[in-house]
Amino acid sequence: MGIQGLALLCAFCASCGYSLYNGANWEEFIMRKSLTILLTLVPFIALAGFTLAQQKKAPAEVQTANVTANAQGYQPASIDLKANVPAKITFVRQSNDTCATEVVIPDYNIKKDLPLNKPVDVEFTPTKAGTVNFACGMNMFRGKLVVK
């Protein structure tokens, strides 16, 4: 610390009734100031940590859609999705008179069996804009996901 800084510190300490020459009072002064600063900062640090934790816990947006598979194919046959937002598409096969006993989304390496009248969730995150096709295992019934 330079001469100017020491002079300023001495002036500050003298105004509070402490002297550099009185070692016991000086140590007490430093301890009290440290404790005051610590007690002032702890609530702010705790609040900042709590705020960050809450932001991380916030549920991510998930886009959802429901698709039925029947003798006419997939209904709806076209679904709009947002890029880079997780998607959950629930497929339900409602008929035995269809070849749509599974759904295949080749661009995302997804292949799921569709048991009769049981919902099957397909979850993925579309990563780029464009059209993503889905189809039955025989590629006879088709649909598309339009990612924007």
Protein backbone atom coordinates (compact mmCIF):
# COMPACT_ATOMS: atom_id res chain seq x y z
CA MET A 1 0.00 0.00 0.00
CA GLY A 2 1.40 3.41 -0.88
CA ILE A 3 1.76 6.42 1.41
CA GLN A 4 -1.49 7.98 0.10
CA GLY A 5 -3.45 4.77 0.71
CA LEU A 6 -2.02 4.44 4.22
CA ALA A 7 -2.87 8.07 4.98
CA LEU A 8 -6.45 7.55 3.76
CA LEU A 9 -6.78 4.36 5.82
CA CYS A 10 -5.43 6.14 8.90
CA ALA A 11 -7.83 9.05 8.40
CA PHE A 12 -10.75 6.61 8.01
CA CYS A 13 -9.75 4.61 11.06
CA ALA A 14 -9.16 7.70 13.17
CA SER A 15 -12.64 8.98 12.31
CA CYS A 16 -14.06 5.71 13.67
CA GLY A 17 -12.07 5.97 16.88
CA TYR A 18 -9.48 3.35 15.95
CA SER A 19 -5.77 3.88 15.78
CA LEU A 20 -3.08 1.96 13.91
CA TYR A 21 -1.01 2.16 17.08
CA ASN A 22 -3.62 0.39 19.21
CA GLY A 23 -3.29 -3.22 18.01
CA ALA A 24 -6.28 -4.65 19.91
CA ASN A 25 -8.72 -2.03 18.60
CA TRP A 26 -7.37 -2.38 15.07
CA GLU A 27 -7.94 -6.17 15.05
CA GLU A 28 -11.43 -5.68 16.49
CA PHE A 29 -12.17 -3.08 13.81
CA ILE A 30 -11.05 -5.41 11.01
CA MET A 31 -13.08 -8.34 12.44
CA ARG A 32 -16.24 -6.23 12.76
CA LYS A 33 -15.92 -4.80 9.26
CA SER A 34 -15.25 -8.27 7.81
CA LEU A 35 -18.28 -9.67 9.61
CA THR A 36 -20.45 -6.78 8.41
CA ILE A 37 -19.35 -7.26 4.80
CA LEU A 38 -19.85 -11.03 5.03
CA LEU A 39 -23.34 -10.70 6.54
CA THR A 40 -24.26 -8.17 3.85
CA LEU A 41 -23.05 -10.35 0.94
CA VAL A 42 -24.40 -13.77 2.04
CA PRO A 43 -28.09 -12.99 1.36
CA PHE A 44 -27.26 -11.66 -2.12
CA ILE A 45 -25.17 -14.71 -2.96
CA ALA A 46 -27.91 -17.03 -1.68
CA LEU A 47 -30.55 -15.17 -3.71
CA ALA A 48 -28.44 -15.36 -6.87
CA GLY A 49 -27.90 -19.10 -6.36
CA PHE A 50 -31.62 -19.68 -5.77
CA THR A 51 -32.51 -17.71 -8.89
CA LEU A 52 -30.09 -19.71 -11.05
CA ALA A 53 -31.39 -22.99 -9.63
CA GLN A 54 -34.98 -22.01 -10.43
CA GLN A 55 -34.05 -21.11 -14.00
CA LYS A 56 -32.46 -24.52 -14.52
CA LYS A 57 -35.52 -26.29 -13.06
CA ALA A 58 -37.93 -24.50 -15.39
CA PRO A 59 -39.62 -27.11 -17.55
CA ALA A 60 -38.61 -27.06 -21.17
CA GLU A 61 -41.27 -26.34 -23.75
CA VAL A 62 -42.45 -29.57 -25.40
CA GLN A 63 -44.59 -29.53 -28.52
CA THR A 64 -47.17 -32.30 -28.70
CA ALA A 65 -49.39 -33.89 -31.33
CA ASN A 66 -51.73 -36.86 -31.56
CA VAL A 67 -51.91 -39.10 -34.63
CA THR A 68 -54.31 -41.97 -35.26
CA ALA A 69 -53.55 -44.85 -37.60
CA ASN A 70 -56.55 -46.51 -39.25
CA ALA A 71 -57.63 -48.06 -42.56
CA GLN A 72 -57.28 -44.65 -44.27
CA GLY A 73 -53.73 -44.05 -43.01
CA TYR A 74 -52.39 -41.53 -40.53
CA GLN A 75 -54.68 -38.72 -39.34
CA PRO A 76 -53.55 -35.98 -39.46
CA ALA A 77 -51.07 -36.73 -42.19
CA SER A 78 -49.18 -33.45 -41.68
CA ILE A 79 -47.95 -31.92 -38.42
CA ASP A 80 -46.21 -28.57 -37.99
CA LEU A 81 -43.28 -28.50 -35.54
CA LYS A 82 -40.73 -25.92 -34.40
CA ALA A 83 -37.04 -26.63 -34.92
CA ASN A 84 -34.90 -27.23 -31.82
CA VAL A 85 -37.92 -27.68 -29.53
CA PRO A 86 -38.52 -31.17 -28.10
CA ALA A 87 -41.52 -32.95 -29.65
CA LYS A 88 -43.77 -35.69 -28.33
CA ILE A 89 -46.06 -37.28 -30.88
CA THR A 90 -48.54 -39.84 -29.60
CA PHE A 91 -49.61 -42.47 -32.14
CA VAL A 92 -52.67 -44.70 -31.63
CA ARG A 93 -53.56 -47.48 -34.04
CA GLN A 94 -57.36 -47.81 -34.06
CA SER A 95 -57.89 -50.59 -36.58
CA ASN A 96 -56.63 -54.04 -37.48
CA ASP A 97 -57.51 -53.26 -41.12
CA THR A 98 -54.30 -51.34 -41.73
CA CYS A 99 -50.67 -52.02 -42.39
CA ALA A 100 -49.79 -49.17 -40.04
CA THR A 101 -48.80 -51.51 -37.24
CA GLU A 102 -45.62 -49.52 -36.76
CA VAL A 103 -44.35 -46.04 -37.43
CA VAL A 104 -40.96 -45.28 -38.95
CA ILE A 105 -39.24 -41.89 -39.00
CA PRO A 106 -36.03 -42.61 -40.94
CA ASP A 107 -34.43 -39.17 -40.50
CA TYR A 108 -34.29 -39.74 -36.73
CA ASN A 109 -33.75 -43.52 -36.76
CA ILE A 110 -37.10 -44.09 -35.05
CA LYS A 111 -39.11 -47.27 -35.47
CA LYS A 112 -41.93 -48.06 -33.04
CA ASP A 113 -44.56 -50.79 -33.01
CA LEU A 114 -48.15 -49.58 -32.73
CA PRO A 115 -50.21 -52.07 -30.73
CA LEU A 116 -53.97 -51.84 -31.27
CA ASN A 117 -55.65 -49.08 -29.21
CA LYS A 118 -52.56 -48.37 -27.12
CA PRO A 119 -50.91 -44.94 -27.23
CA VAL A 120 -47.25 -44.94 -28.23
CA ASP A 121 -45.18 -41.82 -27.59
CA VAL A 122 -42.45 -40.88 -30.03
CA GLU A 123 -40.12 -38.27 -28.53
CA PHE A 124 -37.35 -36.44 -30.36
CA THR A 125 -36.09 -32.94 -31.08
CA PRO A 126 -36.37 -31.77 -34.70
CA THR A 127 -33.04 -30.12 -35.41
CA LYS A 128 -33.48 -28.41 -38.77
CA ALA A 129 -36.23 -26.79 -40.80
CA GLY A 130 -37.77 -28.80 -43.62
CA THR A 131 -40.02 -31.79 -44.17
CA VAL A 132 -39.47 -35.02 -42.25
CA ASN A 133 -41.41 -38.02 -43.52
CA PHE A 134 -42.90 -40.81 -41.45
CA ALA A 135 -44.56 -43.98 -42.71
CA CYS A 136 -45.76 -47.45 -41.83
CA GLY A 137 -43.26 -50.30 -42.00
CA MET A 138 -44.29 -51.09 -45.59
CA ASN A 139 -44.09 -47.41 -46.62
CA MET A 140 -47.70 -47.52 -47.89
CA PHE A 141 -49.22 -45.06 -45.40
CA ARG A 142 -47.26 -41.86 -45.08
CA GLY A 143 -47.26 -38.60 -43.21
CA LYS A 144 -44.99 -35.64 -42.80
CA LEU A 145 -43.63 -33.39 -40.11
CA VAL A 146 -43.15 -29.84 -41.32
CA VAL A 147 -40.39 -28.32 -39.23
CA LYS A 148 -40.22 -24.51 -39.23
